[in-house]
């Protein structure tokens, strides 16, 4: 079983909206790919796309990337590669 860990992020309103919109769109696409049809109407889908502004998405990506970086630079590297 893979090791699990918790992270805590300090997100502003726009970053939270972007994160929730990414999740909603991802679940919608997953439902379509699984043959179950999408759960969002076209208007809801467009609304979620509108919640993902470039600045908030960039800040969110930077925070998530920093949060999952190993604290030890050697951690996670494969000595055989």
PDB file of N, CA and C in Angstrom:
ATOM      1  N   UNK A   1       0.855  -1.179   0.000  1.00  0.00           N
ATOM      2  CA  UNK A   1       0.000   0.000   0.000  1.00  0.00           C
ATOM      3  C   UNK A   1       0.897   1.237   0.000  1.00  0.00           C
ATOM      4  N   UNK A   2       0.601   2.208  -0.867  1.00  0.00           N
ATOM      5  CA  UNK A   2       1.445   3.406  -0.912  1.00  0.00           C
ATOM      6  C   UNK A   2       1.337   4.218   0.371  1.00  0.00           C
ATOM      7  N   UNK A   3       2.408   4.906   0.672  1.00  0.00           N
ATOM      8  CA  UNK A   3       2.428   5.770   1.851  1.00  0.00           C
ATOM      9  C   UNK A   3       1.491   6.948   1.613  1.00  0.00           C
ATOM     10  N   UNK A   4       0.752   7.330   2.631  1.00  0.00           N
ATOM     11  CA  UNK A   4      -0.146   8.477   2.522  1.00  0.00           C
ATOM     12  C   UNK A   4       0.337   9.576   3.451  1.00  0.00           C
ATOM     13  N   UNK A   5      -0.040  10.789   3.120  1.00  0.00           N
ATOM     14  CA  UNK A   5       0.305  11.930   3.952  1.00  0.00           C
ATOM     15  C   UNK A   5      -0.742  13.008   3.757  1.00  0.00           C
ATOM     16  N   UNK A   6      -0.793  13.927   4.674  1.00  0.00           N
ATOM     17  CA  UNK A   6      -1.738  15.035   4.601  1.00  0.00           C
ATOM     18  C   UNK A   6      -1.000  16.312   4.265  1.00  0.00           C
ATOM     19  N   UNK A   7      -1.699  17.191   3.571  1.00  0.00           N
ATOM     20  CA  UNK A   7      -1.150  18.514   3.305  1.00  0.00           C
ATOM     21  C   UNK A   7      -2.191  19.547   3.707  1.00  0.00           C
ATOM     22  N   UNK A   8      -1.727  20.709   4.042  1.00  0.00           N
ATOM     23  CA  UNK A   8      -2.608  21.812   4.389  1.00  0.00           C
ATOM     24  C   UNK A   8      -2.267  22.977   3.458  1.00  0.00           C
ATOM     25  N   UNK A   9      -3.262  23.476   2.764  1.00  0.00           N
ATOM     26  CA  UNK A   9      -3.056  24.565   1.823  1.00  0.00           C
ATOM     27  C   UNK A   9      -3.822  25.792   2.284  1.00  0.00           C
ATOM     28  N   UNK A  10      -3.214  26.942   2.137  1.00  0.00           N
ATOM     29  CA  UNK A  10      -3.869  28.214   2.424  1.00  0.00           C
ATOM     30  C   UNK A  10      -4.306  28.794   1.082  1.00  0.00           C
ATOM     31  N   UNK A  11      -5.587  28.584   0.751  1.00  0.00           N
ATOM     32  CA  UNK A  11      -6.108  28.999  -0.548  1.00  0.00           C
ATOM     33  C   UNK A  11      -7.028  30.201  -0.402  1.00  0.00           C
ATOM     34  N   UNK A  12      -6.936  31.116  -1.373  1.00  0.00           N
ATOM     35  CA  UNK A  12      -7.888  32.225  -1.372  1.00  0.00           C
ATOM     36  C   UNK A  12      -9.164  31.790  -2.100  1.00  0.00           C
ATOM     37  N   UNK A  13     -10.148  32.649  -2.127  1.00  0.00           N
ATOM     38  CA  UNK A  13     -11.461  32.310  -2.689  1.00  0.00           C
ATOM     39  C   UNK A  13     -11.348  31.845  -4.132  1.00  0.00           C
ATOM     40  N   UNK A  14     -10.602  32.559  -4.959  1.00  0.00           N
ATOM     41  CA  UNK A  14     -10.494  32.198  -6.371  1.00  0.00           C
ATOM     42  C   UNK A  14      -9.790  30.861  -6.568  1.00  0.00           C
ATOM     43  N   UNK A  15      -8.822  30.569  -5.717  1.00  0.00           N
ATOM     44  CA  UNK A  15      -8.122  29.280  -5.804  1.00  0.00           C
ATOM     45  C   UNK A  15      -9.053  28.131  -5.418  1.00  0.00           C
ATOM     46  N   UNK A  16      -9.883  28.331  -4.408  1.00  0.00           N
ATOM     47  CA  UNK A  16     -10.858  27.305  -4.013  1.00  0.00           C
ATOM     48  C   UNK A  16     -11.864  27.079  -5.134  1.00  0.00           C
ATOM     49  N   UNK A  17     -12.354  28.159  -5.739  1.00  0.00           N
ATOM     50  CA  UNK A  17     -13.287  28.017  -6.853  1.00  0.00           C
ATOM     51  C   UNK A  17     -12.642  27.270  -8.014  1.00  0.00           C
ATOM     52  N   UNK A  18     -11.387  27.580  -8.309  1.00  0.00           N
ATOM     53  CA  UNK A  18     -10.689  26.883  -9.389  1.00  0.00           C
ATOM     54  C   UNK A  18     -10.557  25.399  -9.061  1.00  0.00           C
ATOM     55  N   UNK A  19     -10.170  25.068  -7.832  1.00  0.00           N
ATOM     56  CA  UNK A  19     -10.010  23.671  -7.432  1.00  0.00           C
ATOM     57  C   UNK A  19     -11.335  22.910  -7.537  1.00  0.00           C
ATOM     58  N   UNK A  20     -12.406  23.493  -7.008  1.00  0.00           N
ATOM     59  CA  UNK A  20     -13.709  22.831  -7.064  1.00  0.00           C
ATOM     60  C   UNK A  20     -14.200  22.693  -8.502  1.00  0.00           C
ATOM     61  N   UNK A  21     -13.905  23.679  -9.327  1.00  0.00           N
ATOM     62  CA  UNK A  21     -14.308  23.609 -10.733  1.00  0.00           C
ATOM     63  C   UNK A  21     -13.522  22.538 -11.478  1.00  0.00           C
ATOM     64  N   UNK A  22     -12.221  22.427 -11.195  1.00  0.00           N
ATOM     65  CA  UNK A  22     -11.434  21.339 -11.792  1.00  0.00           C
ATOM     66  C   UNK A  22     -12.035  19.986 -11.421  1.00  0.00           C
ATOM     67  N   UNK A  23     -12.406  19.823 -10.160  1.00  0.00           N
ATOM     68  CA  UNK A  23     -12.983  18.557  -9.696  1.00  0.00           C
ATOM     69  C   UNK A  23     -14.317  18.297 -10.397  1.00  0.00           C
ATOM     70  N   UNK A  24     -15.186  19.311 -10.459  1.00  0.00           N
ATOM     71  CA  UNK A  24     -16.502  19.134 -11.090  1.00  0.00           C
ATOM     72  C   UNK A  24     -16.363  18.788 -12.565  1.00  0.00           C
ATOM     73  N   UNK A  25     -15.477  19.473 -13.274  1.00  0.00           N
ATOM     74  CA  UNK A  25     -15.286  19.197 -14.695  1.00  0.00           C
ATOM     75  C   UNK A  25     -14.692  17.801 -14.883  1.00  0.00           C
ATOM     76  N   UNK A  26     -13.738  17.435 -14.043  1.00  0.00           N
ATOM     77  CA  UNK A  26     -13.134  16.107 -14.135  1.00  0.00           C
ATOM     78  C   UNK A  26     -14.148  15.001 -13.917  1.00  0.00           C
ATOM     79  N   UNK A  27     -15.015  15.161 -12.925  1.00  0.00           N
ATOM     80  CA  UNK A  27     -16.054  14.160 -12.669  1.00  0.00           C
ATOM     81  C   UNK A  27     -17.059  14.093 -13.815  1.00  0.00           C
ATOM     82  N   UNK A  28     -17.362  15.245 -14.395  1.00  0.00           N
ATOM     83  CA  UNK A  28     -18.273  15.303 -15.535  1.00  0.00           C
ATOM     84  C   UNK A  28     -17.690  14.532 -16.722  1.00  0.00           C
ATOM     85  N   UNK A  29     -16.432  14.783 -17.020  1.00  0.00           N
ATOM     86  CA  UNK A  29     -15.769  14.097 -18.140  1.00  0.00           C
ATOM     87  C   UNK A  29     -15.642  12.600 -17.860  1.00  0.00           C
ATOM     88  N   UNK A  30     -15.339  12.252 -16.618  1.00  0.00           N
ATOM     89  CA  UNK A  30     -15.247  10.842 -16.246  1.00  0.00           C
ATOM     90  C   UNK A  30     -16.591  10.137 -16.441  1.00  0.00           C
ATOM     91  N   UNK A  31     -17.673  10.796 -16.071  1.00  0.00           N
ATOM     92  CA  UNK A  31     -19.002  10.203 -16.245  1.00  0.00           C
ATOM     93  C   UNK A  31     -19.312   9.996 -17.728  1.00  0.00           C
ATOM     94  N   UNK A  32     -18.946  10.977 -18.550  1.00  0.00           N
ATOM     95  CA  UNK A  32     -19.181  10.837 -19.989  1.00  0.00           C
ATOM     96  C   UNK A  32     -18.348   9.686 -20.544  1.00  0.00           C
ATOM     97  N   UNK A  33     -17.071   9.627 -20.162  1.00  0.00           N
ATOM     98  CA  UNK A  33     -16.186   8.561 -20.649  1.00  0.00           C
ATOM     99  C   UNK A  33     -16.674   7.190 -20.187  1.00  0.00           C
ATOM    100  N   UNK A  34     -17.296   7.130 -19.029  1.00  0.00           N
ATOM    101  CA  UNK A  34     -17.808   5.863 -18.506  1.00  0.00           C
ATOM    102  C   UNK A  34     -19.164   5.482 -19.068  1.00  0.00           C
ATOM    103  N   UNK A  35     -19.704   6.312 -19.951  1.00  0.00           N
ATOM    104  CA  UNK A  35     -20.982   6.008 -20.580  1.00  0.00           C
ATOM    105  C   UNK A  35     -22.186   6.379 -19.749  1.00  0.00           C
ATOM    106  N   UNK A  36     -21.988   7.131 -18.672  1.00  0.00           N
ATOM    107  CA  UNK A  36     -23.104   7.487 -17.797  1.00  0.00           C
ATOM    108  C   UNK A  36     -23.702   8.847 -18.115  1.00  0.00           C
ATOM    109  N   UNK A  37     -23.179   9.522 -19.109  1.00  0.00           N
ATOM    110  CA  UNK A  37     -23.657  10.871 -19.407  1.00  0.00           C
ATOM    111  C   UNK A  37     -23.092  11.854 -18.405  1.00  0.00           C
ATOM    112  N   UNK A  38     -23.039  13.076 -18.782  1.00  0.00           N
ATOM    113  CA  UNK A  38     -22.491  14.099 -17.898  1.00  0.00           C
ATOM    114  C   UNK A  38     -23.501  14.546 -16.861  1.00  0.00           C
ATOM    115  N   UNK A  39     -22.982  14.990 -15.742  1.00  0.00           N
ATOM    116  CA  UNK A  39     -23.861  15.443 -14.666  1.00  0.00           C
ATOM    117  C   UNK A  39     -24.108  16.946 -14.732  1.00  0.00           C
ATOM    118  N   UNK A  40     -23.365  17.652 -15.581  1.00  0.00           N
ATOM    119  CA  UNK A  40     -23.494  19.102 -15.673  1.00  0.00           C
ATOM    120  C   UNK A  40     -24.219  19.497 -16.955  1.00  0.00           C
ATOM    121  N   UNK A  41     -25.063  20.502 -16.842  1.00  0.00           N
ATOM    122  CA  UNK A  41     -25.675  21.069 -18.043  1.00  0.00           C
ATOM    123  C   UNK A  41     -24.615  21.908 -18.753  1.00  0.00           C
ATOM    124  N   UNK A  42     -24.840  22.252 -20.012  1.00  0.00           N
ATOM    125  CA  UNK A  42     -23.877  23.115 -20.700  1.00  0.00           C
ATOM    126  C   UNK A  42     -23.630  24.428 -19.960  1.00  0.00           C
ATOM    127  N   UNK A  43     -24.683  25.010 -19.377  1.00  0.00           N
ATOM    128  CA  UNK A  43     -24.509  26.253 -18.620  1.00  0.00           C
ATOM    129  C   UNK A  43     -23.667  26.045 -17.365  1.00  0.00           C
ATOM    130  N   UNK A  44     -23.895  24.937 -16.657  1.00  0.00           N
ATOM    131  CA  UNK A  44     -23.095  24.635 -15.463  1.00  0.00           C
ATOM    132  C   UNK A  44     -21.637  24.391 -15.838  1.00  0.00           C
ATOM    133  N   UNK A  45     -21.427  23.672 -16.932  1.00  0.00           N
ATOM    134  CA  UNK A  45     -20.065  23.395 -17.397  1.00  0.00           C
ATOM    135  C   UNK A  45     -19.356  24.710 -17.714  1.00  0.00           C
ATOM    136  N   UNK A  46     -20.017  25.599 -18.451  1.00  0.00           N
ATOM    137  CA  UNK A  46     -19.433  26.897 -18.786  1.00  0.00           C
ATOM    138  C   UNK A  46     -19.181  27.741 -17.546  1.00  0.00           C
ATOM    139  N   UNK A  47     -20.053  27.629 -16.568  1.00  0.00           N
ATOM    140  CA  UNK A  47     -19.863  28.362 -15.312  1.00  0.00           C
ATOM    141  C   UNK A  47     -18.591  27.895 -14.611  1.00  0.00           C
ATOM    142  N   UNK A  48     -18.384  26.576 -14.588  1.00  0.00           N
ATOM    143  CA  UNK A  48     -17.173  26.050 -13.962  1.00  0.00           C
ATOM    144  C   UNK A  48     -15.926  26.478 -14.730  1.00  0.00           C
ATOM    145  N   UNK A  49     -16.011  26.488 -16.059  1.00  0.00           N
ATOM    146  CA  UNK A  49     -14.870  26.966 -16.842  1.00  0.00           C
ATOM    147  C   UNK A  49     -14.568  28.421 -16.512  1.00  0.00           C
ATOM    148  N   UNK A  50     -15.614  29.215 -16.303  1.00  0.00           N
ATOM    149  CA  UNK A  50     -15.437  30.619 -15.957  1.00  0.00           C
ATOM    150  C   UNK A  50     -14.825  30.829 -14.582  1.00  0.00           C
ATOM    151  N   UNK A  51     -14.984  29.852 -13.692  1.00  0.00           N
ATOM    152  CA  UNK A  51     -14.407  29.960 -12.345  1.00  0.00           C
ATOM    153  C   UNK A  51     -12.906  29.718 -12.329  1.00  0.00           C
ATOM    154  N   UNK A  52     -12.381  29.208 -13.420  1.00  0.00           N
ATOM    155  CA  UNK A  52     -10.951  28.904 -13.482  1.00  0.00           C
ATOM    156  C   UNK A  52     -10.253  30.040 -14.219  1.00  0.00           C
ATOM    157  N   UNK A  53      -9.901  31.091 -13.497  1.00  0.00           N
ATOM    158  CA  UNK A  53      -9.159  32.158 -14.147  1.00  0.00           C
ATOM    159  C   UNK A  53      -7.673  31.824 -14.113  1.00  0.00           C
ATOM    160  N   UNK A  54      -6.941  32.357 -15.054  1.00  0.00           N
ATOM    161  CA  UNK A  54      -5.538  31.975 -15.248  1.00  0.00           C
ATOM    162  C   UNK A  54      -4.684  32.265 -14.013  1.00  0.00           C
ATOM    163  N   UNK A  55      -4.879  33.398 -13.384  1.00  0.00           N
ATOM    164  CA  UNK A  55      -4.058  33.744 -12.216  1.00  0.00           C
ATOM    165  C   UNK A  55      -4.302  32.796 -11.054  1.00  0.00           C
ATOM    166  N   UNK A  56      -5.573  32.530 -10.751  1.00  0.00           N
ATOM    167  CA  UNK A  56      -5.896  31.626  -9.643  1.00  0.00           C
ATOM    168  C   UNK A  56      -5.412  30.216  -9.938  1.00  0.00           C
ATOM    169  N   UNK A  57      -5.584  29.773 -11.178  1.00  0.00           N
ATOM    170  CA  UNK A  57      -5.130  28.430 -11.549  1.00  0.00           C
ATOM    171  C   UNK A  57      -3.613  28.324 -11.425  1.00  0.00           C
ATOM    172  N   UNK A  58      -2.904  29.365 -11.809  1.00  0.00           N
ATOM    173  CA  UNK A  58      -1.443  29.357 -11.693  1.00  0.00           C
ATOM    174  C   UNK A  58      -1.013  29.313 -10.235  1.00  0.00           C
ATOM    175  N   UNK A  59      -1.646  30.134  -9.388  1.00  0.00           N
ATOM    176  CA  UNK A  59      -1.310  30.127  -7.961  1.00  0.00           C
ATOM    177  C   UNK A  59      -1.628  28.773  -7.333  1.00  0.00           C
ATOM    178  N   UNK A  60      -2.788  28.207  -7.691  1.00  0.00           N
ATOM    179  CA  UNK A  60      -3.183  26.902  -7.168  1.00  0.00           C
ATOM    180  C   UNK A  60      -2.170  25.836  -7.572  1.00  0.00           C
ATOM    181  N   UNK A  61      -1.764  25.837  -8.823  1.00  0.00           N
ATOM    182  CA  UNK A  61      -0.781  24.864  -9.307  1.00  0.00           C
ATOM    183  C   UNK A  61       0.540  25.010  -8.562  1.00  0.00           C
ATOM    184  N   UNK A  62       0.987  26.228  -8.356  1.00  0.00           N
ATOM    185  CA  UNK A  62       2.239  26.456  -7.618  1.00  0.00           C
ATOM    186  C   UNK A  62       2.140  25.948  -6.186  1.00  0.00           C
ATOM    187  N   UNK A  63       1.020  26.215  -5.523  1.00  0.00           N
ATOM    188  CA  UNK A  63       0.846  25.767  -4.142  1.00  0.00           C
ATOM    189  C   UNK A  63       0.772  24.245  -4.052  1.00  0.00           C
ATOM    190  N   UNK A  64       0.046  23.620  -4.979  1.00  0.00           N
ATOM    191  CA  UNK A  64      -0.041  22.158  -4.968  1.00  0.00           C
ATOM    192  C   UNK A  64       1.315  21.527  -5.260  1.00  0.00           C
ATOM    193  N   UNK A  65       2.037  22.090  -6.208  1.00  0.00           N
ATOM    194  CA  UNK A  65       3.366  21.571  -6.545  1.00  0.00           C
ATOM    195  C   UNK A  65       4.301  21.677  -5.354  1.00  0.00           C
ATOM    196  N   UNK A  66       4.297  22.823  -4.688  1.00  0.00           N
ATOM    197  CA  UNK A  66       5.164  23.009  -3.519  1.00  0.00           C
ATOM    198  C   UNK A  66       4.770  22.070  -2.385  1.00  0.00           C
ATOM    199  N   UNK A  67       3.474  21.821  -2.236  1.00  0.00           N
ATOM    200  CA  UNK A  67       2.995  20.990  -1.129  1.00  0.00           C
ATOM    201  C   UNK A  67       3.387  19.526  -1.295  1.00  0.00           C
ATOM    202  N   UNK A  68       3.528  19.066  -2.525  1.00  0.00           N
ATOM    203  CA  UNK A  68       3.839  17.649  -2.720  1.00  0.00           C
ATOM    204  C   UNK A  68       5.312  17.384  -2.983  1.00  0.00           C
ATOM    205  N   UNK A  69       6.131  18.428  -2.995  1.00  0.00           N
ATOM    206  CA  UNK A  69       7.571  18.244  -3.153  1.00  0.00           C
ATOM    207  C   UNK A  69       8.120  17.562  -1.906  1.00  0.00           C
ATOM    208  N   UNK A  70       9.007  16.594  -2.066  1.00  0.00           N
ATOM    209  CA  UNK A  70       9.601  15.963  -0.884  1.00  0.00           C
ATOM    210  C   UNK A  70      10.436  16.971  -0.107  1.00  0.00           C
ATOM    211  N   UNK A  71      10.390  16.859   1.218  1.00  0.00           N
ATOM    212  CA  UNK A  71      11.168  17.778   2.051  1.00  0.00           C
ATOM    213  C   UNK A  71      12.659  17.496   1.927  1.00  0.00           C
ATOM    214  N   UNK A  72      13.008  16.259   1.609  1.00  0.00           N
ATOM    215  CA  UNK A  72      14.396  15.872   1.391  1.00  0.00           C
ATOM    216  C   UNK A  72      14.603  15.787  -0.123  1.00  0.00           C
ATOM    217  N   UNK A  73      15.519  16.595  -0.705  1.00  0.00           N
ATOM    218  CA  UNK A  73      15.695  16.589  -2.158  1.00  0.00           C
ATOM    219  C   UNK A  73      16.034  15.215  -2.725  1.00  0.00           C
ATOM    220  N   UNK A  74      16.649  14.339  -1.929  1.00  0.00           N
ATOM    221  CA  UNK A  74      16.991  13.000  -2.409  1.00  0.00           C
ATOM    222  C   UNK A  74      15.816  12.042  -2.340  1.00  0.00           C
ATOM    223  N   UNK A  75      14.787  12.410  -1.573  1.00  0.00           N
ATOM    224  CA  UNK A  75      13.626  11.558  -1.397  1.00  0.00           C
ATOM    225  C   UNK A  75      12.872  11.459  -2.719  1.00  0.00           C
ATOM    226  N   UNK A  76      12.484  10.277  -3.066  1.00  0.00           N
ATOM    227  CA  UNK A  76      11.723  10.067  -4.268  1.00  0.00           C
ATOM    228  C   UNK A  76      12.572   9.855  -5.504  1.00  0.00           C
ATOM    229  N   UNK A  77      13.872  10.097  -5.414  1.00  0.00           N
ATOM    230  CA  UNK A  77      14.709   9.855  -6.577  1.00  0.00           C
ATOM    231  C   UNK A  77      15.070   8.386  -6.631  1.00  0.00           C
ATOM    232  N   UNK A  78      15.201   7.888  -7.819  1.00  0.00           N
ATOM    233  CA  UNK A  78      15.519   6.482  -8.021  1.00  0.00           C
ATOM    234  C   UNK A  78      17.012   6.366  -8.310  1.00  0.00           C
ATOM    235  N   UNK A  79      17.793   5.724  -7.425  1.00  0.00           N
ATOM    236  CA  UNK A  79      19.241   5.634  -7.653  1.00  0.00           C
ATOM    237  C   UNK A  79      19.599   4.791  -8.874  1.00  0.00           C
ATOM    238  N   UNK A  80      18.636   4.007  -9.386  1.00  0.00           N
ATOM    239  CA  UNK A  80      18.888   3.157 -10.550  1.00  0.00           C
ATOM    240  C   UNK A  80      18.599   3.860 -11.853  1.00  0.00           C
ATOM    241  N   UNK A  81      18.116   5.104 -11.797  1.00  0.00           N
ATOM    242  CA  UNK A  81      17.792   5.781 -13.054  1.00  0.00           C
ATOM    243  C   UNK A  81      18.880   6.724 -13.480  1.00  0.00           C
TER     244      UNK A  81
END
